[in-house]
Amino acid sequence: MNVMLRPAVLRTAVAAVVTAVLSAGSVAVADEPEGWKGEGGLTLTARENNEVDAYLEHARQAERTISVQVRSAAALSGAELVGFDQRLKSPDSLKRKVATALLDEPGRDVDTVLAGITDAVRYTLLWDDTAYTPGVTAVSHTLAGWDNQSTKWSNTWGRTSGYKALNTGWRAPRSGQLFEIQFHTPASKHAQEATHKLYEEQRLPSTSPERKKQLQREQDAIFAAVPVPDGADSLTAPATQPRPVPA
């Protein structure tokens, strides 16, 4: 009796296995990683999206040590650390930045773009006008003394139009992670916040040239009202600290 039923049992088992395999195959296809799509037609492929995610994870790990040093330097200089909860760039914001760079320069790849991004980890320090210049000097020299390397020093206080502040880039000594510190006064920070949406619209690929010019004029008018602290336009990056030569 059992021998007579075995072929039927086998056929049933084989059919069940085939069904399971086909079902598993369809699920696997549906679960394949997808790319990223953002506003204004910006996109990343699945591979590019995964590379950005990996970069973000490295930045999250490095941020812990970087934040300790930045908070300490800010406290020593009497700075207000503004927006500390936003010290890590959001995934969508970073992906939008990478996708824009790839669109603007088609010959570049994701690794090259990510290597040049300075603000995946970022901070904002603020002083009133009278304390601004000595405060920036104190923080920048303190960070350099802790072996953070100055990689960018964009001082726009001397501009006759446009953005006014001091944006700096640094490389952490152990992780090699790039991070950004913006140095502001209350007035320059307010102007930055007031122009943020204008700036975001201006850099979208879908924004027309005429609209971009109009947006720039609106930003210029807001920043024109920002007072320049004494000595701010002359602030320069700290000298690179000499490293001991291995014996």
C-alpha atoms as a PDB file:
ATOM      1  CA  MET A   1       0.000   0.000   0.000  1.00  0.00           C
ATOM      2  CA  ASN A   2       2.766   2.430   0.984  1.00  0.00           C
ATOM      3  CA  VAL A   3       4.775   1.594  -2.168  1.00  0.00           C
ATOM      4  CA  MET A   4       1.730   2.249  -4.348  1.00  0.00           C
ATOM      5  CA  LEU A   5       1.189   5.714  -2.823  1.00  0.00           C
ATOM      6  CA  ARG A   6       4.814   6.866  -2.933  1.00  0.00           C
ATOM      7  CA  PRO A   7       4.767   8.369  -6.470  1.00  0.00           C
ATOM      8  CA  ALA A   8       1.724  10.468  -5.591  1.00  0.00           C
ATOM      9  CA  VAL A   9       3.345  11.629  -2.385  1.00  0.00           C
ATOM     10  CA  LEU A  10       6.512  12.525  -4.273  1.00  0.00           C
ATOM     11  CA  ARG A  11       4.568  14.441  -6.895  1.00  0.00           C
ATOM     12  CA  THR A  12       2.811  16.402  -4.170  1.00  0.00           C
ATOM     13  CA  ALA A  13       6.090  17.133  -2.396  1.00  0.00           C
ATOM     14  CA  VAL A  14       7.811  18.218  -5.608  1.00  0.00           C
ATOM     15  CA  ALA A  15       4.921  20.514  -6.467  1.00  0.00           C
ATOM     16  CA  ALA A  16       5.111  22.066  -3.014  1.00  0.00           C
ATOM     17  CA  VAL A  17       8.862  22.632  -3.339  1.00  0.00           C
ATOM     18  CA  VAL A  18       8.492  24.190  -6.793  1.00  0.00           C
ATOM     19  CA  THR A  19       5.770  26.500  -5.518  1.00  0.00           C
ATOM     20  CA  ALA A  20       7.928  27.539  -2.572  1.00  0.00           C
ATOM     21  CA  VAL A  21      10.937  28.225  -4.784  1.00  0.00           C
ATOM     22  CA  LEU A  22       8.911  30.273  -7.224  1.00  0.00           C
ATOM     23  CA  SER A  23       7.331  32.217  -4.380  1.00  0.00           C
ATOM     24  CA  ALA A  24      10.732  32.848  -2.802  1.00  0.00           C
ATOM     25  CA  GLY A  25      12.068  33.994  -6.151  1.00  0.00           C
ATOM     26  CA  SER A  26       9.281  36.508  -6.604  1.00  0.00           C
ATOM     27  CA  VAL A  27       9.820  37.881  -3.100  1.00  0.00           C
ATOM     28  CA  ALA A  28      13.558  38.222  -3.710  1.00  0.00           C
ATOM     29  CA  VAL A  29      12.943  40.264  -6.840  1.00  0.00           C
ATOM     30  CA  ALA A  30      10.522  42.541  -4.985  1.00  0.00           C
ATOM     31  CA  ASP A  31      13.050  43.045  -2.169  1.00  0.00           C
ATOM     32  CA  GLU A  32      15.940  44.018  -4.414  1.00  0.00           C
ATOM     33  CA  PRO A  33      17.448  47.302  -3.193  1.00  0.00           C
ATOM     34  CA  GLU A  34      16.203  50.354  -5.001  1.00  0.00           C
ATOM     35  CA  GLY A  35      17.897  53.637  -5.698  1.00  0.00           C
ATOM     36  CA  TRP A  36      16.966  57.028  -4.276  1.00  0.00           C
ATOM     37  CA  LYS A  37      14.690  59.624  -5.841  1.00  0.00           C
ATOM     38  CA  GLY A  38      14.567  63.209  -4.649  1.00  0.00           C
ATOM     39  CA  GLU A  39      12.992  66.548  -5.467  1.00  0.00           C
ATOM     40  CA  GLY A  40      13.685  68.126  -8.824  1.00  0.00           C
ATOM     41  CA  GLY A  41      14.349  64.843 -10.622  1.00  0.00           C
ATOM     42  CA  LEU A  42      17.499  63.996  -8.647  1.00  0.00           C
ATOM     43  CA  THR A  43      18.308  60.271  -8.444  1.00  0.00           C
ATOM     44  CA  LEU A  44      20.905  57.784  -7.192  1.00  0.00           C
ATOM     45  CA  THR A  45      21.268  54.195  -8.362  1.00  0.00           C
ATOM     46  CA  ALA A  46      21.015  51.357  -5.834  1.00  0.00           C
ATOM     47  CA  ARG A  47      24.810  51.071  -5.707  1.00  0.00           C
ATOM     48  CA  GLU A  48      25.293  54.813  -5.268  1.00  0.00           C
ATOM     49  CA  ASN A  49      22.623  54.910  -2.586  1.00  0.00           C
ATOM     50  CA  ASN A  50      24.331  52.091  -0.661  1.00  0.00           C
ATOM     51  CA  GLU A  51      27.684  53.891  -0.812  1.00  0.00           C
ATOM     52  CA  VAL A  52      26.144  57.040   0.657  1.00  0.00           C
ATOM     53  CA  ASP A  53      24.521  54.994   3.436  1.00  0.00           C
ATOM     54  CA  ALA A  54      27.895  53.434   4.301  1.00  0.00           C
ATOM     55  CA  TYR A  55      29.496  56.883   4.400  1.00  0.00           C
ATOM     56  CA  LEU A  56      26.765  58.117   6.749  1.00  0.00           C
ATOM     57  CA  GLU A  57      27.372  55.226   9.140  1.00  0.00           C
ATOM     58  CA  HIS A  58      31.082  56.067   9.299  1.00  0.00           C
ATOM     59  CA  ALA A  59      30.194  59.701   9.983  1.00  0.00           C
ATOM     60  CA  ARG A  60      27.873  58.678  12.830  1.00  0.00           C
ATOM     61  CA  GLN A  61      30.637  56.703  14.486  1.00  0.00           C
ATOM     62  CA  ALA A  62      33.225  59.485  14.099  1.00  0.00           C
ATOM     63  CA  GLU A  63      30.844  62.190  15.327  1.00  0.00           C
ATOM     64  CA  ARG A  64      30.993  60.959  18.918  1.00  0.00           C
ATOM     65  CA  THR A  65      34.633  61.914  19.386  1.00  0.00           C
ATOM     66  CA  ILE A  66      34.402  65.055  17.247  1.00  0.00           C
ATOM     67  CA  SER A  67      31.468  66.391  19.282  1.00  0.00           C
ATOM     68  CA  VAL A  68      33.378  66.058  22.546  1.00  0.00           C
ATOM     69  CA  GLN A  69      36.152  68.283  21.199  1.00  0.00           C
ATOM     70  CA  VAL A  70      33.850  70.845  19.572  1.00  0.00           C
ATOM     71  CA  ARG A  71      31.707  71.182  22.699  1.00  0.00           C
ATOM     72  CA  SER A  72      34.815  71.595  24.850  1.00  0.00           C
ATOM     73  CA  ALA A  73      36.305  74.256  22.569  1.00  0.00           C
ATOM     74  CA  ALA A  74      32.967  76.097  22.445  1.00  0.00           C
ATOM     75  CA  ALA A  75      32.693  76.128  26.232  1.00  0.00           C
ATOM     76  CA  LEU A  76      36.244  77.408  26.667  1.00  0.00           C
ATOM     77  CA  SER A  77      35.547  80.322  24.283  1.00  0.00           C
ATOM     78  CA  GLY A  78      32.114  81.231  25.665  1.00  0.00           C
ATOM     79  CA  ALA A  79      30.348  80.291  22.418  1.00  0.00           C
ATOM     80  CA  GLU A  80      26.739  79.218  22.117  1.00  0.00           C
ATOM     81  CA  LEU A  81      26.501  75.861  20.340  1.00  0.00           C
ATOM     82  CA  VAL A  82      23.452  76.263  18.107  1.00  0.00           C
ATOM     83  CA  GLY A  83      21.394  73.393  16.679  1.00  0.00           C
ATOM     84  CA  PHE A  84      23.476  70.625  18.197  1.00  0.00           C
ATOM     85  CA  ASP A  85      20.661  68.139  17.559  1.00  0.00           C
ATOM     86  CA  GLN A  86      21.179  68.684  13.806  1.00  0.00           C
ATOM     87  CA  ARG A  87      24.915  67.979  13.895  1.00  0.00           C
ATOM     88  CA  LEU A  88      24.478  65.012  11.521  1.00  0.00           C
ATOM     89  CA  LYS A  89      23.309  65.774   8.011  1.00  0.00           C
ATOM     90  CA  SER A  90      20.079  63.929   7.217  1.00  0.00           C
ATOM     91  CA  PRO A  91      20.257  61.053   4.706  1.00  0.00           C
ATOM     92  CA  ASP A  92      17.982  62.848   2.213  1.00  0.00           C
ATOM     93  CA  SER A  93      19.991  66.061   2.444  1.00  0.00           C
ATOM     94  CA  LEU A  94      23.283  64.275   1.845  1.00  0.00           C
ATOM     95  CA  LYS A  95      21.866  62.206  -1.003  1.00  0.00           C
ATOM     96  CA  ARG A  96      20.466  65.335  -2.624  1.00  0.00           C
ATOM     97  CA  LYS A  97      23.916  66.918  -2.410  1.00  0.00           C
ATOM     98  CA  VAL A  98      25.632  63.885  -3.917  1.00  0.00           C
ATOM     99  CA  ALA A  99      23.042  63.516  -6.692  1.00  0.00           C
ATOM    100  CA  THR A 100      23.363  67.213  -7.570  1.00  0.00           C
ATOM    101  CA  ALA A 101      27.147  66.921  -7.815  1.00  0.00           C
ATOM    102  CA  LEU A 102      26.887  63.860 -10.061  1.00  0.00           C
ATOM    103  CA  LEU A 103      24.396  65.662 -12.297  1.00  0.00           C
ATOM    104  CA  ASP A 104      26.531  68.811 -12.542  1.00  0.00           C
ATOM    105  CA  GLU A 105      29.719  66.846 -13.340  1.00  0.00           C
ATOM    106  CA  PRO A 106      28.806  63.574 -15.097  1.00  0.00           C
ATOM    107  CA  GLY A 107      32.417  62.342 -15.115  1.00  0.00           C
ATOM    108  CA  ARG A 108      32.609  62.122 -11.324  1.00  0.00           C
ATOM    109  CA  ASP A 109      31.751  59.036  -9.275  1.00  0.00           C
ATOM    110  CA  VAL A 110      30.206  58.732  -5.811  1.00  0.00           C
ATOM    111  CA  ASP A 111      33.507  58.057  -4.030  1.00  0.00           C
ATOM    112  CA  THR A 112      35.018  61.261  -5.409  1.00  0.00           C
ATOM    113  CA  VAL A 113      31.983  63.316  -4.416  1.00  0.00           C
ATOM    114  CA  LEU A 114      31.836  61.874  -0.897  1.00  0.00           C
ATOM    115  CA  ALA A 115      35.558  62.502  -0.397  1.00  0.00           C
ATOM    116  CA  GLY A 116      34.906  66.222  -0.848  1.00  0.00           C
ATOM    117  CA  ILE A 117      31.857  66.576   1.395  1.00  0.00           C
ATOM    118  CA  THR A 118      32.697  68.514   4.547  1.00  0.00           C
ATOM    119  CA  ASP A 119      29.324  68.879   6.249  1.00  0.00           C
ATOM    120  CA  ALA A 120      27.998  65.377   6.914  1.00  0.00           C
ATOM    121  CA  VAL A 121      29.010  66.256  10.479  1.00  0.00           C
ATOM    122  CA  ARG A 122      28.518  69.953  11.190  1.00  0.00           C
ATOM    123  CA  TYR A 123      28.256  72.465  13.993  1.00  0.00           C
ATOM    124  CA  THR A 124      27.324  76.115  14.441  1.00  0.00           C
ATOM    125  CA  LEU A 125      28.983  78.350  17.032  1.00  0.00           C
ATOM    126  CA  LEU A 126      27.655  81.787  17.845  1.00  0.00           C
ATOM    127  CA  TRP A 127      28.930  84.861  19.722  1.00  0.00           C
ATOM    128  CA  ASP A 128      27.685  88.423  19.918  1.00  0.00           C
ATOM    129  CA  ASP A 129      29.509  90.961  17.750  1.00  0.00           C
ATOM    130  CA  THR A 130      32.047  92.064  20.374  1.00  0.00           C
ATOM    131  CA  ALA A 131      33.111  88.515  21.306  1.00  0.00           C
ATOM    132  CA  TYR A 132      33.030  87.084  17.793  1.00  0.00           C
ATOM    133  CA  THR A 133      36.584  87.609  16.531  1.00  0.00           C
ATOM    134  CA  PRO A 134      38.415  86.518  19.709  1.00  0.00           C
ATOM    135  CA  GLY A 135      35.976  83.615  20.059  1.00  0.00           C
ATOM    136  CA  VAL A 136      36.659  82.278  16.561  1.00  0.00           C
ATOM    137  CA  THR A 137      40.390  82.621  17.129  1.00  0.00           C
ATOM    138  CA  ALA A 138      40.218  80.695  20.405  1.00  0.00           C
ATOM    139  CA  VAL A 139      38.144  77.815  18.998  1.00  0.00           C
ATOM    140  CA  SER A 140      40.133  77.387  15.799  1.00  0.00           C
ATOM    141  CA  HIS A 141      43.469  77.341  17.631  1.00  0.00           C
ATOM    142  CA  THR A 142      42.139  74.947  20.265  1.00  0.00           C
ATOM    143  CA  LEU A 143      40.943  72.477  17.618  1.00  0.00           C
ATOM    144  CA  ALA A 144      44.219  72.738  15.726  1.00  0.00           C
ATOM    145  CA  GLY A 145      46.073  72.094  18.984  1.00  0.00           C
ATOM    146  CA  TRP A 146      44.123  68.830  19.291  1.00  0.00           C
ATOM    147  CA  ASP A 147      45.448  67.778  15.853  1.00  0.00           C
ATOM    148  CA  ASN A 148      42.322  68.583  13.860  1.00  0.00           C
ATOM    149  CA  GLN A 149      43.481  69.672  10.423  1.00  0.00           C
ATOM    150  CA  SER A 150      42.021  72.805   8.850  1.00  0.00           C
ATOM    151  CA  THR A 151      40.834  71.856   5.346  1.00  0.00           C
ATOM    152  CA  LYS A 152      38.594  74.803   4.404  1.00  0.00           C
ATOM    153  CA  TRP A 153      38.417  78.421   5.511  1.00  0.00           C
ATOM    154  CA  SER A 154      35.697  80.366   3.705  1.00  0.00           C
ATOM    155  CA  ASN A 155      35.569  83.853   5.204  1.00  0.00           C
ATOM    156  CA  THR A 156      32.852  85.864   3.446  1.00  0.00           C
ATOM    157  CA  TRP A 157      32.583  88.725   5.945  1.00  0.00           C
ATOM    158  CA  GLY A 158      34.323  91.029   3.483  1.00  0.00           C
ATOM    159  CA  ARG A 159      31.817  90.474   0.687  1.00  0.00           C
ATOM    160  CA  THR A 160      29.823  93.397  -0.613  1.00  0.00           C
ATOM    161  CA  SER A 161      26.866  91.075  -1.349  1.00  0.00           C
ATOM    162  CA  GLY A 162      25.674  87.578  -0.564  1.00  0.00           C
ATOM    163  CA  TYR A 163      26.268  85.263   2.374  1.00  0.00           C
ATOM    164  CA  LYS A 164      28.165  86.641   5.372  1.00  0.00           C
ATOM    165  CA  ALA A 165      29.771  84.361   7.945  1.00  0.00           C
ATOM    166  CA  LEU A 166      32.790  82.099   8.363  1.00  0.00           C
ATOM    167  CA  ASN A 167      32.461  78.493   7.177  1.00  0.00           C
ATOM    168  CA  THR A 168      35.333  76.186   8.049  1.00  0.00           C
ATOM    169  CA  GLY A 169      36.198  72.571   7.295  1.00  0.00           C
ATOM    170  CA  TRP A 170      38.254  70.199   9.434  1.00  0.00           C
ATOM    171  CA  ARG A 171      39.610  66.652   9.351  1.00  0.00           C
ATOM    172  CA  ALA A 172      39.488  64.659  12.590  1.00  0.00           C
ATOM    173  CA  PRO A 173      42.869  63.106  13.464  1.00  0.00           C
ATOM    174  CA  ARG A 174      41.809  59.516  14.207  1.00  0.00           C
ATOM    175  CA  SER A 175      38.803  58.776  12.013  1.00  0.00           C
ATOM    176  CA  GLY A 176      39.822  61.058   9.147  1.00  0.00           C
ATOM    177  CA  GLN A 177      36.195  62.257   9.063  1.00  0.00           C
ATOM    178  CA  LEU A 178      35.647  65.687   7.563  1.00  0.00           C
ATOM    179  CA  PHE A 179      33.415  68.037   9.550  1.00  0.00           C
ATOM    180  CA  GLU A 180      32.227  71.610   9.241  1.00  0.00           C
ATOM    181  CA  ILE A 181      31.961  74.444  11.733  1.00  0.00           C
ATOM    182  CA  GLN A 182      30.059  77.616  10.913  1.00  0.00           C
ATOM    183  CA  PHE A 183      30.957  80.679  12.984  1.00  0.00           C
ATOM    184  CA  HIS A 184      28.074  83.152  13.291  1.00  0.00           C
ATOM    185  CA  THR A 185      26.756  86.225  15.041  1.00  0.00           C
ATOM    186  CA  PRO A 186      23.050  86.438  15.922  1.00  0.00           C
ATOM    187  CA  ALA A 187      22.426  88.653  12.870  1.00  0.00           C
ATOM    188  CA  SER A 188      24.287  86.433  10.400  1.00  0.00           C
ATOM    189  CA  LYS A 189      22.591  83.319  11.739  1.00  0.00           C
ATOM    190  CA  HIS A 190      19.176  84.949  11.399  1.00  0.00           C
ATOM    191  CA  ALA A 191      19.995  85.903   7.805  1.00  0.00           C
ATOM    192  CA  GLN A 192      21.090  82.353   7.041  1.00  0.00           C
ATOM    193  CA  GLU A 193      17.813  80.961   8.349  1.00  0.00           C
ATOM    194  CA  ALA A 194      15.773  83.593   6.495  1.00  0.00           C
ATOM    195  CA  THR A 195      17.451  82.728   3.177  1.00  0.00           C
ATOM    196  CA  HIS A 196      17.574  78.938   3.567  1.00  0.00           C
ATOM    197  CA  LYS A 197      14.459  78.156   1.528  1.00  0.00           C
ATOM    198  CA  LEU A 198      15.544  80.634  -1.145  1.00  0.00           C
ATOM    199  CA  TYR A 199      18.929  78.931  -1.387  1.00  0.00           C
ATOM    200  CA  GLU A 200      17.401  75.443  -1.549  1.00  0.00           C
ATOM    201  CA  GLU A 201      15.138  76.477  -4.426  1.00  0.00           C
ATOM    202  CA  GLN A 202      17.997  78.242  -6.185  1.00  0.00           C
ATOM    203  CA  ARG A 203      20.169  75.126  -6.406  1.00  0.00           C
ATOM    204  CA  LEU A 204      17.498  72.780  -7.759  1.00  0.00           C
ATOM    205  CA  PRO A 205      18.197  71.691 -11.358  1.00  0.00           C
ATOM    206  CA  SER A 206      14.580  72.461 -12.223  1.00  0.00           C
ATOM    207  CA  THR A 207      14.858  76.157 -11.220  1.00  0.00           C
ATOM    208  CA  SER A 208      15.049  78.426 -14.257  1.00  0.00           C
ATOM    209  CA  PRO A 209      18.011  80.837 -14.714  1.00  0.00           C
ATOM    210  CA  GLU A 210      15.704  83.842 -14.382  1.00  0.00           C
ATOM    211  CA  ARG A 211      14.279  82.537 -11.099  1.00  0.00           C
ATOM    212  CA  LYS A 212      17.784  81.825  -9.786  1.00  0.00           C
ATOM    213  CA  LYS A 213      18.786  85.438 -10.368  1.00  0.00           C
ATOM    214  CA  GLN A 214      15.698  86.679  -8.553  1.00  0.00           C
ATOM    215  CA  LEU A 215      16.397  84.356  -5.604  1.00  0.00           C
ATOM    216  CA  GLN A 216      19.978  85.621  -5.422  1.00  0.00           C
ATOM    217  CA  ARG A 217      18.805  89.247  -5.305  1.00  0.00           C
ATOM    218  CA  GLU A 218      16.477  88.425  -2.421  1.00  0.00           C
ATOM    219  CA  GLN A 219      19.307  86.736  -0.498  1.00  0.00           C
ATOM    220  CA  ASP A 220      21.673  89.642  -1.150  1.00  0.00           C
ATOM    221  CA  ALA A 221      19.162  92.106   0.315  1.00  0.00           C
ATOM    222  CA  ILE A 222      18.844  90.106   3.532  1.00  0.00           C
ATOM    223  CA  PHE A 223      22.594  89.685   4.059  1.00  0.00           C
ATOM    224  CA  ALA A 224      23.261  93.350   3.276  1.00  0.00           C
ATOM    225  CA  ALA A 225      21.671  94.235   6.629  1.00  0.00           C
ATOM    226  CA  VAL A 226      24.118  92.045   8.636  1.00  0.00           C
ATOM    227  CA  PRO A 227      26.756  94.066  10.568  1.00  0.00           C
ATOM    228  CA  VAL A 228      30.384  92.928  10.260  1.00  0.00           C
ATOM    229  CA  PRO A 229      32.101  92.394  13.661  1.00  0.00           C
ATOM    230  CA  ASP A 230      35.413  94.190  14.147  1.00  0.00           C
ATOM    231  CA  GLY A 231      38.226  92.132  12.663  1.00  0.00           C
ATOM    232  CA  ALA A 232      35.952  89.380  11.309  1.00  0.00           C
ATOM    233  CA  ASP A 233      36.929  89.944   7.687  1.00  0.00           C
ATOM    234  CA  SER A 234      40.619  89.426   8.578  1.00  0.00           C
ATOM    235  CA  LEU A 235      40.257  86.081  10.374  1.00  0.00           C
ATOM    236  CA  THR A 236      42.528  83.406   8.902  1.00  0.00           C
ATOM    237  CA  ALA A 237      42.955  79.675   9.395  1.00  0.00           C
ATOM    238  CA  PRO A 238      45.278  78.482  12.165  1.00  0.00           C
ATOM    239  CA  ALA A 239      48.725  77.387  11.105  1.00  0.00           C
ATOM    240  CA  THR A 240      49.158  73.653  10.602  1.00  0.00           C
ATOM    241  CA  GLN A 241      50.620  72.112  13.725  1.00  0.00           C
ATOM    242  CA  PRO A 242      53.973  70.382  13.148  1.00  0.00           C
ATOM    243  CA  ARG A 243      53.768  66.636  13.687  1.00  0.00           C
ATOM    244  CA  PRO A 244      56.617  64.729  15.332  1.00  0.00           C
ATOM    245  CA  VAL A 245      58.758  62.707  12.937  1.00  0.00           C
ATOM    246  CA  PRO A 246      58.839  58.980  13.830  1.00  0.00           C
ATOM    247  CA  ALA A 247      62.238  57.847  15.052  1.00  0.00           C
END
